[in-house]
Protein backbone atom coordinates (compact mmCIF):
# COMPACT_ATOMS: atom_id res chain seq x y z
CA MET A 1 115.96 99.35 125.25
CA THR A 2 114.64 102.15 124.40
CA GLN A 3 116.39 101.70 120.45
CA ASP A 4 113.98 98.33 120.96
CA LEU A 5 110.69 100.46 122.12
CA LEU A 6 111.16 102.64 118.30
CA THR A 7 111.67 99.90 116.54
CA THR A 8 108.49 98.53 117.89
CA LEU A 9 106.54 101.72 117.14
CA VAL A 10 108.38 101.69 113.09
CA GLY A 11 106.99 98.10 113.16
CA LEU A 12 103.50 99.07 114.08
CA LEU A 13 103.72 101.99 111.37
CA VAL A 14 104.62 99.83 108.68
CA LEU A 15 101.75 97.13 109.82
CA LEU A 16 99.36 99.30 109.27
CA VAL A 17 99.98 100.85 106.10
CA GLY A 18 100.64 96.97 104.98
CA GLY A 19 97.30 95.67 106.12
CA GLU A 20 95.58 99.12 104.09
CA PHE A 21 97.87 98.09 101.14
CA VAL A 22 96.39 94.61 101.21
CA VAL A 23 92.71 94.92 101.94
CA ARG A 24 92.55 97.59 99.25
CA GLY A 25 94.62 95.40 96.35
CA ALA A 26 92.72 92.11 97.42
CA SER A 27 89.45 93.42 97.90
CA ALA A 28 90.06 95.33 93.99
CA LEU A 29 91.60 91.92 92.75
CA ALA A 30 88.52 90.30 93.65
CA ALA A 31 86.19 92.53 91.83
CA ARG A 32 88.47 92.46 88.54
CA LEU A 33 88.89 88.67 88.64
CA GLY A 34 85.03 87.61 89.40
CA VAL A 35 85.70 85.79 92.90
CA SER A 36 84.81 86.80 96.30
CA ALA A 37 86.28 89.00 98.78
CA LEU A 38 86.00 85.92 100.92
CA ALA A 39 88.05 83.94 98.85
CA ILE A 40 90.78 86.28 98.37
CA GLY A 41 90.63 86.59 101.90
CA LEU A 42 91.70 82.88 102.53
CA THR A 43 94.08 82.41 99.77
CA VAL A 44 96.37 85.60 99.05
CA VAL A 45 95.69 87.15 102.31
CA ALA A 46 95.77 84.47 104.44
CA PHE A 47 98.73 82.80 103.26
CA GLY A 48 100.61 86.57 103.08
CA THR A 49 99.67 87.53 106.65
CA SER A 50 101.17 84.02 107.54
CA THR A 51 104.48 84.29 106.07
CA PRO A 52 105.93 86.09 109.23
CA GLU A 53 104.85 82.84 111.13
CA LEU A 54 106.59 80.63 108.40
CA ALA A 55 109.85 82.95 107.95
CA VAL A 56 110.13 83.22 111.98
CA ASN A 57 109.26 79.07 112.23
CA VAL A 58 111.77 78.07 109.31
CA THR A 59 114.64 80.07 110.28
CA ALA A 60 114.02 79.27 114.07
CA ALA A 61 114.24 75.23 112.91
CA LEU A 62 117.31 75.85 111.00
CA SER A 63 119.24 77.30 113.73
CA GLY A 64 118.30 74.78 116.60
CA HIS A 65 115.61 76.47 118.14
CA SER A 66 112.29 74.45 116.94
CA GLU A 67 111.06 75.42 120.84
CA ILE A 68 110.51 78.65 120.15
CA SER A 69 108.53 77.31 116.81
CA PHE A 70 106.58 75.30 119.02
CA GLY A 71 104.95 78.70 121.21
CA ASN A 72 105.14 80.86 117.91
CA ILE A 73 102.57 78.58 115.72
CA PHE A 74 99.95 77.48 118.59
CA GLY A 75 100.49 80.74 120.41
CA SER A 76 99.95 82.94 116.89
CA ASN A 77 96.66 80.31 116.50
CA MET A 78 95.43 81.42 119.56
CA ALA A 79 96.40 85.26 119.31
CA ASN A 80 94.48 85.17 116.47
CA ILE A 81 91.05 83.65 117.84
CA GLY A 82 91.34 85.53 121.07
CA LEU A 83 92.81 88.90 119.95
CA ILE A 84 92.34 89.37 116.34
CA VAL A 85 88.33 87.92 116.41
CA ALA A 86 87.58 88.99 119.62
CA LEU A 87 89.24 93.04 118.33
CA THR A 88 87.74 92.61 115.07
CA ALA A 89 83.91 92.05 116.48
CA LEU A 90 84.23 93.86 119.02
CA ILE A 91 84.13 97.03 116.28
CA GLY A 92 80.92 95.33 114.84
CA PRO A 93 79.15 91.84 114.74
CA LEU A 94 81.09 89.54 112.70
CA GLN A 95 79.44 87.58 109.64
CA PHE A 96 80.34 83.96 108.78
CA GLN A 97 79.06 83.06 105.37
CA SER A 98 77.89 79.76 105.01
CA ILE A 99 80.46 77.83 103.53
CA VAL A 100 83.15 79.38 105.95
CA VAL A 101 80.98 77.86 108.90
CA SER A 102 80.47 74.05 106.88
CA ARG A 103 83.62 74.24 105.71
CA GLU A 104 86.87 75.99 107.05
CA VAL A 105 85.79 76.04 110.62
CA PRO A 106 85.55 73.10 110.78
CA MET A 107 88.68 72.14 108.43
CA MET A 108 91.02 74.72 110.75
CA LEU A 109 89.38 72.43 113.76
CA LEU A 110 90.21 69.21 112.24
CA ALA A 111 93.79 71.05 112.06
CA THR A 112 94.33 71.90 115.03
CA LEU A 113 93.21 68.68 116.55
CA LEU A 114 94.91 66.35 114.31
CA ALA A 115 98.34 68.36 114.91
CA SER A 116 97.81 68.19 118.73
CA VAL A 117 97.16 64.76 118.56
CA LEU A 118 100.26 64.00 116.52
CA ALA A 119 102.56 66.29 119.13
CA LEU A 120 101.60 63.91 121.73
CA ASP A 121 103.35 60.81 120.76
CA GLY A 122 104.11 60.35 124.85
CA VAL A 123 100.65 60.09 125.72
CA TRP A 124 100.02 57.52 122.84
CA GLY A 125 102.74 55.76 123.51
CA ASP A 126 106.30 55.59 124.63
CA GLY A 127 107.70 58.12 122.10
CA VAL A 128 108.79 61.63 123.59
CA ASN A 129 105.62 64.32 122.88
CA GLN A 130 106.86 66.19 119.86
CA ILE A 131 106.13 66.93 116.34
CA GLY A 132 108.34 64.79 113.96
CA ARG A 133 109.58 65.15 110.25
CA GLY A 134 106.46 62.53 109.38
CA ASP A 135 104.15 64.60 111.13
CA GLY A 136 105.38 67.93 109.20
CA ILE A 137 104.51 65.45 105.93
CA ALA A 138 101.18 64.34 107.25
CA LEU A 139 99.98 68.07 107.88
CA LEU A 140 101.25 69.35 104.65
CA LEU A 141 99.41 66.18 102.37
CA LEU A 142 96.42 67.76 104.75
CA PHE A 143 96.83 71.00 103.41
CA SER A 144 97.30 69.83 99.90
CA VAL A 145 93.20 68.76 99.80
CA PHE A 146 92.22 72.31 101.19
CA ALA A 147 94.08 73.88 98.77
CA TYR A 148 91.87 71.44 96.47
CA TYR A 149 88.67 72.64 97.49
CA THR A 150 89.83 76.02 97.58
CA LEU A 151 91.19 76.61 94.72
CA ARG A 152 88.61 74.68 92.82
CA ASP A 153 85.92 77.21 94.13
CA LEU A 154 88.18 80.09 92.80
CA VAL A 155 87.86 78.60 89.31
CA ARG A 156 84.09 78.14 89.86
CA GLN A 157 83.15 81.56 90.62
CA ARG A 158 85.69 83.05 87.82
CA ALA A 159 83.65 80.60 85.81
CA GLY A 160 80.95 81.45 86.61
CA ASN A 161 78.99 78.37 85.83
CA SER A 162 76.11 76.96 87.66
CA TYR A 163 78.32 75.30 90.46
CA LYS A 164 79.29 78.71 91.97
CA VAL A 165 79.33 78.71 95.56
CA PRO A 166 76.12 80.89 97.14
CA ASN A 167 76.21 84.02 99.37
CA LEU A 168 79.34 84.94 98.26
CA PRO A 169 78.91 88.53 97.26
CA VAL A 170 81.89 90.50 95.23
CA PRO A 171 82.78 93.60 97.27
CA GLN A 172 81.82 96.48 95.68
CA VAL A 173 85.06 98.38 95.79
CA ALA A 174 87.37 100.96 93.82
CA ARG A 175 87.73 99.54 90.82
CA TYR A 176 91.67 99.47 90.10
CA GLY A 177 93.32 98.18 87.34
CA LEU A 178 94.81 94.46 87.48
CA GLY A 179 98.20 95.26 87.29
CA SER A 180 97.53 97.80 90.36
CA SER A 181 95.56 95.37 92.26
CA VAL A 182 97.88 93.22 92.14
CA ALA A 183 100.65 96.07 92.88
CA PHE A 184 98.86 97.01 95.68
CA THR A 185 98.58 93.49 97.38
CA ILE A 186 102.50 92.57 96.68
CA ALA A 187 103.11 96.07 98.53
CA GLY A 188 101.16 95.42 101.09
CA LEU A 189 102.07 91.63 101.97
CA VAL A 190 106.07 92.63 101.38
CA LEU A 191 105.53 95.25 104.64
CA LEU A 192 103.47 93.44 106.55
CA GLY A 193 106.27 90.23 106.38
CA ILE A 194 108.68 93.52 107.40
CA GLY A 195 106.78 95.32 109.61
CA GLY A 196 106.11 91.82 111.34
CA GLU A 197 109.58 91.32 111.92
CA VAL A 198 110.64 94.41 112.96
CA THR A 199 108.05 94.92 114.91
CA VAL A 200 109.03 90.96 116.75
CA ASN A 201 112.76 92.42 116.42
CA GLY A 202 112.06 95.19 119.18
CA ALA A 203 109.86 93.44 120.90
CA LEU A 204 112.38 90.55 121.72
CA GLY A 205 114.71 92.96 122.83
CA VAL A 206 112.42 94.50 124.88
CA ALA A 207 111.71 91.20 126.59
CA ARG A 208 114.93 90.22 127.21
CA ALA A 209 116.05 93.54 128.39
CA LEU A 210 113.11 92.77 131.03
CA GLY A 211 114.32 88.86 131.78
CA VAL A 212 111.67 87.40 130.24
CA SER A 213 111.95 83.59 129.53
CA GLU A 214 112.65 82.43 125.75
CA ALA A 215 109.60 79.69 126.17
CA VAL A 216 107.29 82.57 127.24
CA ILE A 217 108.73 84.79 124.61
CA GLY A 218 107.68 82.00 122.28
CA LEU A 219 104.40 81.93 123.34
CA THR A 220 103.47 85.50 123.69
CA ILE A 221 105.97 88.22 122.20
CA VAL A 222 106.86 86.24 119.25
CA ALA A 223 103.60 84.56 119.16
CA ILE A 224 101.71 88.26 119.39
CA GLY A 225 103.97 90.16 116.88
CA THR A 226 103.89 87.55 113.60
CA SER A 227 100.20 87.75 114.41
CA LEU A 228 100.00 91.98 113.84
CA PRO A 229 100.04 91.58 110.08
CA GLU A 230 96.57 89.52 110.52
CA LEU A 231 95.00 92.08 113.51
CA VAL A 232 95.90 94.99 110.94
CA ALA A 233 94.64 93.33 108.23
CA SER A 234 91.20 92.10 109.87
CA ILE A 235 90.71 95.33 111.27
CA MET A 236 91.28 97.36 108.31
CA ALA A 237 89.06 94.84 106.27
CA MET A 238 86.34 95.81 108.90
CA ALA A 239 86.89 99.47 108.68
CA ARG A 240 86.64 99.39 105.02
CA GLY A 241 83.23 97.43 105.05
CA GLN A 242 84.79 93.95 104.05
CA PRO A 243 83.93 91.72 106.94
CA ASP A 244 84.59 88.28 104.57
CA LEU A 245 88.21 89.84 104.26
CA ALA A 246 88.38 89.81 107.66
CA VAL A 247 86.82 86.66 108.58
CA GLY A 248 89.01 84.46 105.52
CA ASN A 249 92.11 86.32 106.77
CA VAL A 250 91.78 84.84 110.37
CA VAL A 251 90.21 81.48 109.66
CA GLY A 252 92.72 80.76 106.64
CA SER A 253 95.64 82.03 108.80
CA ASN A 254 94.93 79.86 111.38
CA ILE A 255 94.75 76.94 108.35
CA PHE A 256 97.72 77.97 107.02
CA ASN A 257 99.42 78.23 110.38
CA MET A 258 98.83 73.97 111.26
CA LEU A 259 99.44 73.04 107.99
CA ILE A 260 101.82 74.48 106.19
CA VAL A 261 104.24 76.64 108.88
CA LEU A 262 103.89 73.64 111.16
CA GLY A 263 104.15 71.11 108.42
CA THR A 264 107.01 72.59 106.67
CA THR A 265 108.89 73.51 110.04
CA ALA A 266 108.64 70.14 111.18
CA SER A 267 109.81 68.64 108.28
CA ILE A 268 113.19 70.17 108.97
CA ARG A 269 113.60 69.87 112.25
CA ASP A 270 111.30 67.86 114.60
CA ILE A 271 109.57 70.20 117.17
CA PRO A 272 109.60 69.19 120.96
CA VAL A 273 106.60 70.34 123.02
CA PRO A 274 107.95 72.27 126.03
CA PRO A 275 107.02 71.73 129.79
CA GLY A 276 103.70 73.56 129.88
CA GLY A 277 103.22 72.08 126.27
CA VAL A 278 100.26 69.73 126.60
CA TRP A 279 97.89 72.53 128.59
CA ASP A 280 99.08 74.89 125.25
CA LEU A 281 97.47 72.25 123.46
CA ALA A 282 94.37 72.00 125.41
CA VAL A 283 93.59 75.83 125.39
CA VAL A 284 94.42 76.29 121.36
CA ILE A 285 91.77 73.14 120.95
CA GLY A 286 89.17 75.14 123.29
CA LEU A 287 89.34 78.66 121.85
CA SER A 288 89.07 76.98 118.29
CA THR A 289 86.30 74.74 119.48
CA LEU A 290 84.54 78.12 121.08
CA LEU A 291 85.38 79.54 117.70
CA TRP A 292 83.16 76.83 115.82
CA LEU A 293 80.62 77.17 118.53
CA THR A 294 80.09 80.70 117.90
CA SER A 295 80.15 81.10 114.45
CA ILE A 296 76.72 78.87 114.39
CA SER A 297 75.31 80.92 116.81
CA HIS A 298 73.34 84.37 115.98
CA GLY A 299 72.34 83.56 113.05
CA ARG A 300 76.56 82.97 112.30
CA ARG A 301 77.49 85.79 113.80
CA ILE A 302 80.13 86.49 116.49
CA ILE A 303 78.58 89.34 118.24
CA ARG A 304 80.26 92.22 121.68
CA ALA A 305 79.58 89.12 124.07
CA GLU A 306 81.01 86.55 122.60
CA ALA A 307 84.06 88.56 121.53
CA THR A 308 84.56 89.84 124.73
CA LEU A 309 84.64 86.11 126.42
CA LEU A 310 86.88 85.26 123.81
CA LEU A 311 89.21 88.34 124.91
CA VAL A 312 88.86 87.38 128.47
CA LEU A 313 89.87 83.67 127.89
CA TYR A 314 92.71 84.55 126.19
CA VAL A 315 93.80 87.15 128.73
CA GLY A 316 93.47 84.96 131.16
CA TYR A 317 95.44 82.24 129.79
CA LEU A 318 98.33 84.73 129.56
CA VAL A 319 98.01 85.68 132.75
CA GLY A 320 98.24 82.16 133.96
CA ARG A 321 100.94 81.22 131.28
CA THR A 322 103.37 84.13 132.15
CA THR A 323 102.90 83.69 136.07
CA PHE A 324 103.37 80.04 136.58
């Protein structure tokens, strides 16, 4: 177990370096391209920090361990809200841009609701509770709608025409060259992917040495481990005064997880809802709804009291899920 602990620590160190590189590169890239840090956070950073989830789940599906996929995907989205948003907002009030409140957060909530409804075949009919290949294709099609509107805004911001999205300030960051900005961003995303995988592998070894079940590992250790890139990138963004990157990263990552990661995984192999999975679906819906409610209060800011509530609820869920 000592070797697994050391592996976990090395993975965390790689994540820290990768998070710093991503924030530096993505911020400079946004300034160079003339688009907002929020837009970069919703696209480049969000997709990049979701690559550990995608890699873990595709591997699990191909190897016939789809139950791990359920826990990883839904557990990661819970961790993104109850852990990452909470810890980020505890650093300072987390400000949401109006377009995030009106479009991105509702899209995240819609994706969560749709995935949950698709998973409950046994509740709506005589089938088995699972997310099948047809469900996966439906989720991927919904992502194409989200991608269309997001890319359209990027083009409009870049063109600087009258349709430019309002209230999306371009950050004042070090003016790296375009090549350096891209290199920083790619290097950071690669390090985040490597760090996430190394950390998860180490944590899995520790969990197995302690006799923790594989189902619990998927919902807790693997879910939190693959969410570490989002956590590191968001905290680094807040520390460097880039709250738009932090917000875009978390919300965008949840959308990617529900539509791209879940859609791709289910298209490869059906994902069964494990025992207790209905409760997990209810919790992720509840946390997503609470995130939306907090994002429209206090001038579209999540304050420390609300962040504390999110954290307490998430920790309470973890305790209950691992105990019962």
